[in-house]
Amino acid sequence: MTLLFNGMQSSLGLVYDREMGSMRLLLTSPLPHWWLLTCRLIASTAISILQAYTFLGIAALYGVRFPPLGYAAALAVAGLMLGALGLALSSTIRQLENFAGVMNFVIFPMFFLSSALYPLWKMAESSELLHDICAANPFTHAVELIRFALYAQFNAPALFWTCLAGAVLLVLALWGYDPARGLARRRG
């Protein structure tokens, strides 16, 4: 949940920057826009991981232990995918108030229609439709990746689907923030 909320909250700043006009200056700088957005994604993911580890540190005080190396890799991949989701959404929304509302319509269905609360195999026992919806949710695969890493196991399908969703969302975000595309739309 920390990664999901931080991925969306970090993109809230981009919407604010666009609304105030500083995003236009940033995207017209000599650096390529893909570099700027990717660095922003990496920075927000690093903050998300630090917050997740703070939470896990508190949990460790209560006796919850985890293998740090596998868990760090899973958190990084999941954080990048969820940050890319926030970037993709922020590229389409122009006003801060609208983005805050959209965040709720994205975060809560993604969370409740995932395997965050119940394992995917348990959902298959109750409803095939629910299982299929949860299996199509990219957040489910991020949760499964983290869940398996928690037990020091490798989950190749979850890693594949999380990386694929992250790459697609990042490409959509880069396309949405392309200054040339926005200029052509204004002229045309």
Foldseek 3Di string as FASTA:
>chain_A
DLLLVLLQVLLLVVLVCLLVVVLVVVCPDPDHPLVVLVVSLQVSLVVSLVVVVVVVVVVVVVPQDFDPPQLSVLSSLLSLLSNLLNLLVSLVDNHSVVSVVVSVVPRVCLVVLACQPPHLVVVVVVDPVSSVSRVPRLVNLSNVSNVQRRVPHHDVVSSVSSNVSSVVSSVSSCVSSNVVVVVVVVVD
